[in-house]
Amino acid sequence: MYSQSSKTVEKKILAIVHSQNTNTGRVGRIIKEKGYNLDIRCPRLGEDLPTTMENHDAVVIFGGPISVNDSKTLPFIQTELDWIPVCLDAQKPFLGICLGAQLLAHVLGATILPHPQNVVEIGYFPIKPTVIEQNCFQNPFYVYHWHREGFNLPKSAVLLAEGETFTNQAFRYGKNSYGLQFHPEVTEEIINAWTNGEQKDYWVNLKGAQSYPHQMKMHSLHDKMMEDWFNNFFDMWIQVS
């Protein structure tokens, strides 16, 4: 008797990055630990984005040192803005991290602006959950930031977490599209790379930026909570269709 073996369906998540050296950190590691392959693409380098989400289970858009408002001078930003509805229309899980969250917010009608007092969030700062049902945040905790711009909440979105300096820290659109102003992917290696990178003499003088020693102290105190949170968040996020 002839029997045809069933073909294993590849589980794959699209990761959109903004530099060839982007480290997907904890997020990339947990994605792989959960049994998914990571399809990393960088439109900034001219790499195409898929025309449909047929071959991907979800998408994560990571951060970067550019602004959503650079879309007129950096064509790849406009490319990503034009592409995001492909995922939203397919109702596949979407996660935007920092710049990725701002891109999603902008597509949904929000404005992206610096803090009115030119304060930045660089380092660990507390967020607290809003009081709504089915919130993926249960308790206040410290998260890692690296940004100078924030977003107002899109009218169609639900605010999930708030911060002291930049109010809007996390939101959900629909059932499975999330924007996080903070960086769940951050590891000690990433903090070292960012703080000692090309902008090492620039960021330390920004209003609101934490010193490197303080960042590392806070990392040792709060990284385990972020690990546990993202591990649980991923399971919830990927299962919602």
Protein backbone atom coordinates (compact mmCIF):
# COMPACT_ATOMS: atom_id res chain seq x y z
CA MET A 1 0.00 0.00 0.00
CA TYR A 2 1.32 3.43 -0.92
CA SER A 3 1.28 5.99 1.86
CA GLN A 4 2.11 9.64 1.42
CA SER A 5 3.84 11.23 4.39
CA SER A 6 2.43 14.55 5.47
CA LYS A 7 4.64 17.54 4.94
CA THR A 8 5.64 19.43 8.07
CA VAL A 9 4.30 22.96 7.97
CA GLU A 10 7.02 25.48 8.79
CA LYS A 11 6.11 27.91 11.56
CA LYS A 12 7.62 31.24 10.67
CA ILE A 13 7.54 34.77 12.07
CA LEU A 14 8.58 37.78 10.01
CA ALA A 15 11.01 40.12 11.78
CA ILE A 16 11.40 43.59 10.25
CA VAL A 17 14.59 45.32 11.37
CA HIS A 18 16.24 48.64 10.57
CA SER A 19 19.91 47.69 10.53
CA GLN A 20 21.87 44.71 9.30
CA ASN A 21 23.39 44.49 12.79
CA THR A 22 20.10 44.39 14.69
CA ASN A 23 20.18 41.97 17.60
CA THR A 24 16.71 40.48 18.15
CA GLY A 25 17.81 39.50 21.66
CA ARG A 26 15.30 37.93 24.02
CA VAL A 27 12.45 38.27 21.52
CA GLY A 28 14.29 36.35 18.81
CA ARG A 29 15.47 33.71 21.28
CA ILE A 30 12.00 33.06 22.69
CA ILE A 31 10.50 32.94 19.20
CA LYS A 32 12.94 30.16 18.33
CA GLU A 33 12.43 28.38 21.66
CA LYS A 34 8.70 28.29 20.91
CA GLY A 35 9.39 26.42 17.68
CA TYR A 36 9.20 29.24 15.12
CA ASN A 37 11.75 30.19 12.49
CA LEU A 38 12.68 33.85 12.21
CA ASP A 39 12.53 35.42 8.75
CA ILE A 40 14.57 38.61 9.19
CA ARG A 41 14.20 41.33 6.57
CA CYS A 42 15.58 44.86 6.42
CA PRO A 43 13.74 47.21 4.02
CA ARG A 44 16.40 49.84 4.73
CA LEU A 45 18.82 47.60 2.79
CA GLY A 46 16.35 47.14 -0.05
CA GLU A 47 15.00 43.77 1.09
CA ASP A 48 11.42 43.15 -0.01
CA LEU A 49 8.49 42.54 2.31
CA PRO A 50 6.00 39.77 1.49
CA THR A 51 2.92 40.77 -0.48
CA THR A 52 0.75 38.56 1.74
CA MET A 53 1.01 36.95 5.17
CA GLU A 54 0.22 33.52 3.75
CA ASN A 55 3.66 32.11 4.62
CA HIS A 56 4.07 33.81 7.99
CA ASP A 57 2.32 33.24 11.30
CA ALA A 58 3.04 36.71 12.72
CA VAL A 59 5.23 39.78 12.38
CA VAL A 60 7.48 41.73 14.76
CA ILE A 61 8.76 45.18 13.79
CA PHE A 62 11.77 46.16 15.89
CA GLY A 63 13.11 49.60 16.79
CA GLY A 64 15.75 51.81 15.25
CA PRO A 65 17.48 55.19 15.55
CA ILE A 66 15.18 56.86 13.02
CA SER A 67 11.76 58.48 13.27
CA VAL A 68 8.40 57.71 11.70
CA ASN A 69 8.48 61.38 10.68
CA ASP A 70 11.48 60.66 8.44
CA SER A 71 9.25 58.96 5.87
CA LYS A 72 9.76 61.72 3.28
CA THR A 73 13.56 61.50 3.43
CA LEU A 74 13.88 57.77 4.17
CA PRO A 75 11.70 55.89 1.66
CA PHE A 76 11.93 52.58 3.56
CA ILE A 77 9.91 54.14 6.41
CA GLN A 78 7.06 54.86 4.00
CA THR A 79 7.45 51.34 2.62
CA GLU A 80 6.85 49.91 6.08
CA LEU A 81 3.92 52.25 6.76
CA ASP A 82 2.32 51.15 3.48
CA TRP A 83 2.99 47.48 4.29
CA ILE A 84 1.60 47.26 7.85
CA PRO A 85 -2.04 47.01 6.65
CA VAL A 86 -1.07 43.75 4.89
CA CYS A 87 -0.64 42.17 8.32
CA LEU A 88 -3.57 43.96 9.92
CA ASP A 89 -5.95 42.97 7.12
CA ALA A 90 -4.78 39.35 7.37
CA GLN A 91 -5.51 39.49 11.14
CA LYS A 92 -2.18 37.85 11.88
CA PRO A 93 -0.48 38.69 15.21
CA PHE A 94 1.46 41.94 14.99
CA LEU A 95 3.99 43.26 17.52
CA GLY A 96 5.63 46.66 17.20
CA ILE A 97 8.58 47.45 19.47
CA CYS A 98 9.49 51.13 20.04
CA LEU A 99 9.79 52.43 16.46
CA GLY A 100 7.63 49.46 15.43
CA ALA A 101 4.93 50.61 17.88
CA GLN A 102 5.17 54.16 16.57
CA LEU A 103 4.81 52.92 13.00
CA LEU A 104 1.66 51.01 13.97
CA ALA A 105 0.28 53.99 15.89
CA HIS A 106 0.91 56.27 12.91
CA VAL A 107 -0.86 53.89 10.52
CA LEU A 108 -3.83 54.00 12.91
CA GLY A 109 -3.89 57.81 12.83
CA ALA A 110 -1.65 58.81 15.76
CA THR A 111 0.95 61.57 15.83
CA ILE A 112 4.59 60.86 16.73
CA LEU A 113 6.29 63.69 18.63
CA PRO A 114 9.19 64.36 21.04
CA HIS A 115 8.43 65.09 24.68
CA PRO A 116 7.41 68.78 25.08
CA GLN A 117 10.30 69.33 27.54
CA ASN A 118 12.73 67.37 25.34
CA VAL A 119 12.99 64.62 27.95
CA VAL A 120 14.05 61.18 26.77
CA GLU A 121 13.60 57.72 28.22
CA ILE A 122 16.90 55.85 28.15
CA GLY A 123 17.22 53.14 30.77
CA TYR A 124 14.75 51.42 33.08
CA PHE A 125 11.51 53.22 33.94
CA PRO A 126 8.28 51.97 35.56
CA ILE A 127 5.04 51.29 33.75
CA LYS A 128 1.69 50.44 35.28
CA PRO A 129 -1.24 48.57 33.72
CA THR A 130 -4.52 50.29 32.97
CA VAL A 131 -7.66 48.92 34.56
CA ILE A 132 -9.28 46.98 31.75
CA GLU A 133 -10.34 43.39 31.22
CA GLN A 134 -7.99 41.01 29.40
CA ASN A 135 -4.91 43.13 30.01
CA CYS A 136 -1.59 41.38 29.30
CA PHE A 137 -0.08 43.48 32.09
CA GLN A 138 -1.05 42.46 35.61
CA ASN A 139 1.36 44.44 37.77
CA PRO A 140 3.51 47.57 37.60
CA PHE A 141 7.13 46.82 36.72
CA TYR A 142 10.26 48.37 35.24
CA VAL A 143 11.00 48.08 31.52
CA TYR A 144 13.90 49.17 29.33
CA HIS A 145 13.51 52.21 27.08
CA TRP A 146 15.58 53.96 24.45
CA HIS A 147 13.58 56.68 22.74
CA ARG A 148 13.02 60.41 22.47
CA GLU A 149 9.62 60.35 20.76
CA GLY A 150 6.25 59.03 21.82
CA PHE A 151 2.77 58.70 20.36
CA ASN A 152 -0.75 59.71 21.24
CA LEU A 153 -3.19 56.82 21.51
CA PRO A 154 -4.97 55.94 18.26
CA LYS A 155 -8.76 56.31 18.60
CA SER A 156 -9.25 52.68 17.64
CA ALA A 157 -6.71 51.32 20.16
CA VAL A 158 -6.93 50.26 23.81
CA LEU A 159 -4.31 51.59 26.22
CA LEU A 160 -2.72 48.77 28.24
CA ALA A 161 0.10 50.42 30.18
CA GLU A 162 1.09 53.95 31.18
CA GLY A 163 4.36 55.64 32.12
CA GLU A 164 5.32 58.80 33.98
CA THR A 165 7.26 60.64 31.27
CA PHE A 166 5.63 59.25 28.13
CA THR A 167 2.07 58.33 29.09
CA ASN A 168 1.31 55.80 26.36
CA GLN A 169 3.53 52.76 26.86
CA ALA A 170 1.54 49.85 25.39
CA PHE A 171 -1.64 49.46 23.40
CA ARG A 172 -3.68 46.85 21.60
CA TYR A 173 -5.49 47.25 18.30
CA GLY A 174 -8.11 44.63 17.51
CA LYS A 175 -7.45 41.22 19.01
CA ASN A 176 -3.78 40.63 18.28
CA SER A 177 -1.95 43.79 17.22
CA TYR A 178 0.23 45.30 19.95
CA GLY A 179 2.51 48.30 20.24
CA LEU A 180 5.15 48.51 22.99
CA GLN A 181 7.07 51.73 23.55
CA PHE A 182 9.71 49.78 25.48
CA HIS A 183 12.22 47.07 24.50
CA PRO A 184 11.42 43.53 25.70
CA GLU A 185 14.26 42.19 23.52
CA VAL A 186 16.98 43.91 25.54
CA THR A 187 19.75 41.81 27.07
CA GLU A 188 22.95 42.82 28.84
CA GLU A 189 24.75 42.43 25.51
CA ILE A 190 22.33 44.83 23.81
CA ILE A 191 22.61 47.43 26.57
CA ASN A 192 26.39 47.32 26.24
CA ALA A 193 26.16 47.69 22.46
CA TRP A 194 23.75 50.62 22.60
CA THR A 195 25.44 52.55 25.39
CA ASN A 196 28.93 52.08 23.96
CA GLY A 197 27.99 52.41 20.30
CA GLU A 198 28.35 55.25 17.83
CA GLN A 199 26.27 57.61 20.00
CA LYS A 200 28.09 56.89 23.28
CA ASP A 201 29.20 60.53 23.67
CA TYR A 202 25.77 61.87 22.74
CA TRP A 203 23.11 59.98 24.68
CA VAL A 204 24.63 60.50 28.16
CA ASN A 205 23.93 64.25 27.95
CA LEU A 206 20.27 63.90 27.08
CA LYS A 207 17.74 65.00 29.69
CA GLY A 208 16.30 61.90 31.35
CA ALA A 209 18.97 59.42 30.28
CA GLN A 210 20.24 57.09 32.99
CA SER A 211 23.95 56.48 33.42
CA TYR A 212 25.42 53.19 32.25
CA PRO A 213 26.13 51.93 35.81
CA HIS A 214 22.54 52.70 36.82
CA GLN A 215 21.17 50.90 33.76
CA MET A 216 23.18 47.80 34.59
CA LYS A 217 22.09 47.87 38.23
CA MET A 218 18.45 48.14 37.16
CA HIS A 219 18.96 45.38 34.59
CA SER A 220 20.14 42.99 37.29
CA LEU A 221 17.04 43.80 39.34
CA HIS A 222 14.36 43.72 36.65
CA ASP A 223 15.48 41.52 33.75
CA LYS A 224 13.98 38.32 35.19
CA MET A 225 10.55 39.94 35.40
CA MET A 226 10.78 40.96 31.73
CA GLU A 227 11.83 37.43 30.79
CA ASP A 228 8.81 35.95 32.56
CA TRP A 229 6.44 38.57 31.18
CA PHE A 230 7.47 38.22 27.55
CA ASN A 231 7.45 34.44 27.75
CA ASN A 232 3.82 34.52 28.90
CA PHE A 233 2.90 37.37 26.56
CA PHE A 234 4.19 35.49 23.53
CA ASP A 235 2.01 32.44 24.25
CA MET A 236 -1.08 34.63 24.58
CA TRP A 237 -0.26 36.79 21.56
CA ILE A 238 0.55 34.03 19.08
CA GLN A 239 -2.59 32.00 19.87
CA VAL A 240 -5.06 34.81 19.18
CA SER A 241 -6.33 34.77 15.61
